[in-house]
Amino acid sequence: MYGLISQMKTLPGRRNEVIAALLAGSKDMPGNITYLIAEDMEDKTLIWITEVWRTKTDHANSLQLESVQEAIGKARPHINGFGTRIETRPVISD
């Protein structure tokens, strides 16, 4: 398995637009187990994204999907940068 935890910084007052675009574009991604978007409770411009994939290749391939490209295009004007990005190896109990 492959995991990714990342922080995205939005322009002030634009967090909801970015979240909506990401949610719309993250449906039906082959190999995706979890795609969780969370609002930072202290900073209203921050979003945390936690992803779990079958493989790192599945994640890379998702970036080529039309729905993901469309979501990136919609979100991009409202993004003000990126912060923490951590690759993980998820452990799931039986």
C-alpha atoms as a PDB file:
ATOM      1  CA  MET A   1       0.000   0.000   0.000  1.00  0.00           C
ATOM      2  CA  TYR A   2       0.972   3.601  -0.522  1.00  0.00           C
ATOM      3  CA  GLY A   3      -0.154   6.598   1.517  1.00  0.00           C
ATOM      4  CA  LEU A   4       0.177  10.319   1.202  1.00  0.00           C
ATOM      5  CA  ILE A   5      -0.630  13.051   3.712  1.00  0.00           C
ATOM      6  CA  SER A   6      -0.394  16.575   2.360  1.00  0.00           C
ATOM      7  CA  GLN A   7      -1.224  20.118   3.316  1.00  0.00           C
ATOM      8  CA  MET A   8      -2.696  22.545   0.820  1.00  0.00           C
ATOM      9  CA  LYS A   9      -2.874  26.299   1.384  1.00  0.00           C
ATOM     10  CA  THR A  10      -5.803  28.171  -0.142  1.00  0.00           C
ATOM     11  CA  LEU A  11      -6.364  31.839  -0.733  1.00  0.00           C
ATOM     12  CA  PRO A  12      -8.303  33.505   2.096  1.00  0.00           C
ATOM     13  CA  GLY A  13     -12.016  32.762   1.783  1.00  0.00           C
ATOM     14  CA  ARG A  14     -11.508  30.159  -0.981  1.00  0.00           C
ATOM     15  CA  ARG A  15     -11.116  26.932   0.993  1.00  0.00           C
ATOM     16  CA  ASN A  16     -14.656  25.743   0.226  1.00  0.00           C
ATOM     17  CA  GLU A  17     -14.134  26.144  -3.530  1.00  0.00           C
ATOM     18  CA  VAL A  18     -10.980  24.017  -3.404  1.00  0.00           C
ATOM     19  CA  ILE A  19     -12.649  21.346  -1.267  1.00  0.00           C
ATOM     20  CA  ALA A  20     -15.633  21.168  -3.632  1.00  0.00           C
ATOM     21  CA  ALA A  21     -13.370  20.771  -6.669  1.00  0.00           C
ATOM     22  CA  LEU A  22     -11.272  18.063  -4.991  1.00  0.00           C
ATOM     23  CA  LEU A  23     -14.312  16.120  -3.814  1.00  0.00           C
ATOM     24  CA  ALA A  24     -15.883  16.216  -7.268  1.00  0.00           C
ATOM     25  CA  GLY A  25     -12.686  15.072  -8.954  1.00  0.00           C
ATOM     26  CA  SER A  26     -11.770  12.291  -6.543  1.00  0.00           C
ATOM     27  CA  LYS A  27     -14.631   9.894  -7.241  1.00  0.00           C
ATOM     28  CA  ASP A  28     -13.967   6.559  -8.954  1.00  0.00           C
ATOM     29  CA  MET A  29     -10.181   6.631  -8.959  1.00  0.00           C
ATOM     30  CA  PRO A  30      -8.865   3.134  -9.705  1.00  0.00           C
ATOM     31  CA  GLY A  31      -6.666   1.824  -6.904  1.00  0.00           C
ATOM     32  CA  ASN A  32      -7.813   4.417  -4.380  1.00  0.00           C
ATOM     33  CA  ILE A  33      -8.834   3.072  -0.981  1.00  0.00           C
ATOM     34  CA  THR A  34      -9.302   6.367   0.871  1.00  0.00           C
ATOM     35  CA  TYR A  35      -9.291  10.027  -0.159  1.00  0.00           C
ATOM     36  CA  LEU A  36     -10.043  12.155   2.894  1.00  0.00           C
ATOM     37  CA  ILE A  37     -10.118  15.946   2.898  1.00  0.00           C
ATOM     38  CA  ALA A  38     -10.059  17.729   6.255  1.00  0.00           C
ATOM     39  CA  GLU A  39     -10.262  21.391   7.204  1.00  0.00           C
ATOM     40  CA  ASP A  40      -7.548  22.649   9.551  1.00  0.00           C
ATOM     41  CA  MET A  41      -9.296  23.755  12.749  1.00  0.00           C
ATOM     42  CA  GLU A  42      -6.946  26.675  13.474  1.00  0.00           C
ATOM     43  CA  ASP A  43      -6.116  28.071  10.030  1.00  0.00           C
ATOM     44  CA  LYS A  44      -9.102  28.684   7.742  1.00  0.00           C
ATOM     45  CA  THR A  45      -6.871  28.622   4.648  1.00  0.00           C
ATOM     46  CA  LEU A  46      -5.466  25.111   5.198  1.00  0.00           C
ATOM     47  CA  ILE A  47      -6.683  21.746   3.952  1.00  0.00           C
ATOM     48  CA  TRP A  48      -5.214  18.358   4.893  1.00  0.00           C
ATOM     49  CA  ILE A  49      -5.540  15.524   2.385  1.00  0.00           C
ATOM     50  CA  THR A  50      -4.991  11.915   3.451  1.00  0.00           C
ATOM     51  CA  GLU A  51      -4.815   9.326   0.671  1.00  0.00           C
ATOM     52  CA  VAL A  52      -4.454   5.545   0.728  1.00  0.00           C
ATOM     53  CA  TRP A  53      -3.728   3.704  -2.519  1.00  0.00           C
ATOM     54  CA  ARG A  54      -3.090   0.086  -3.441  1.00  0.00           C
ATOM     55  CA  THR A  55       0.199   1.183  -5.036  1.00  0.00           C
ATOM     56  CA  LYS A  56       2.257   4.300  -5.690  1.00  0.00           C
ATOM     57  CA  THR A  57       1.665   3.680  -9.410  1.00  0.00           C
ATOM     58  CA  ASP A  58      -2.115   3.835  -8.861  1.00  0.00           C
ATOM     59  CA  HIS A  59      -1.627   7.270  -7.306  1.00  0.00           C
ATOM     60  CA  ALA A  60       0.561   8.452 -10.188  1.00  0.00           C
ATOM     61  CA  ASN A  61      -1.937   7.150 -12.740  1.00  0.00           C
ATOM     62  CA  SER A  62      -4.804   8.982 -11.021  1.00  0.00           C
ATOM     63  CA  LEU A  63      -3.177  12.293 -11.873  1.00  0.00           C
ATOM     64  CA  GLN A  64      -3.836  11.569 -15.554  1.00  0.00           C
ATOM     65  CA  LEU A  65      -7.582  10.970 -15.124  1.00  0.00           C
ATOM     66  CA  GLU A  66      -9.819  13.517 -16.838  1.00  0.00           C
ATOM     67  CA  SER A  67     -11.848  14.066 -13.652  1.00  0.00           C
ATOM     68  CA  VAL A  68      -8.700  14.733 -11.627  1.00  0.00           C
ATOM     69  CA  GLN A  69      -7.279  17.098 -14.264  1.00  0.00           C
ATOM     70  CA  GLU A  70     -10.587  18.991 -14.297  1.00  0.00           C
ATOM     71  CA  ALA A  71     -10.566  19.255 -10.487  1.00  0.00           C
ATOM     72  CA  ILE A  72      -7.003  20.568 -10.527  1.00  0.00           C
ATOM     73  CA  GLY A  73      -8.000  23.176 -13.101  1.00  0.00           C
ATOM     74  CA  LYS A  74     -10.937  24.358 -10.995  1.00  0.00           C
ATOM     75  CA  ALA A  75      -8.963  24.423  -7.743  1.00  0.00           C
ATOM     76  CA  ARG A  76      -5.694  25.928  -9.040  1.00  0.00           C
ATOM     77  CA  PRO A  77      -6.821  29.610  -9.065  1.00  0.00           C
ATOM     78  CA  HIS A  78      -7.725  29.308  -5.357  1.00  0.00           C
ATOM     79  CA  ILE A  79      -4.553  27.527  -4.178  1.00  0.00           C
ATOM     80  CA  ASN A  80      -1.861  29.586  -2.474  1.00  0.00           C
ATOM     81  CA  GLY A  81       0.772  26.892  -2.098  1.00  0.00           C
ATOM     82  CA  PHE A  82       1.551  23.613  -0.419  1.00  0.00           C
ATOM     83  CA  GLY A  83       2.996  22.739   2.952  1.00  0.00           C
ATOM     84  CA  THR A  84       3.807  19.418   4.535  1.00  0.00           C
ATOM     85  CA  ARG A  85       3.862  16.360   2.256  1.00  0.00           C
ATOM     86  CA  ILE A  86       4.550  12.946   3.753  1.00  0.00           C
ATOM     87  CA  GLU A  87       4.617   9.571   2.004  1.00  0.00           C
ATOM     88  CA  THR A  88       3.513   6.676   4.218  1.00  0.00           C
ATOM     89  CA  ARG A  89       3.032   2.930   4.152  1.00  0.00           C
ATOM     90  CA  PRO A  90      -0.451   2.354   5.634  1.00  0.00           C
ATOM     91  CA  VAL A  91      -0.922  -0.566   7.994  1.00  0.00           C
ATOM     92  CA  ILE A  92      -4.395  -2.078   8.079  1.00  0.00           C
ATOM     93  CA  SER A  93      -5.453  -4.649  10.655  1.00  0.00           C
ATOM     94  CA  ASP A  94      -7.090  -7.920   9.612  1.00  0.00           C
END
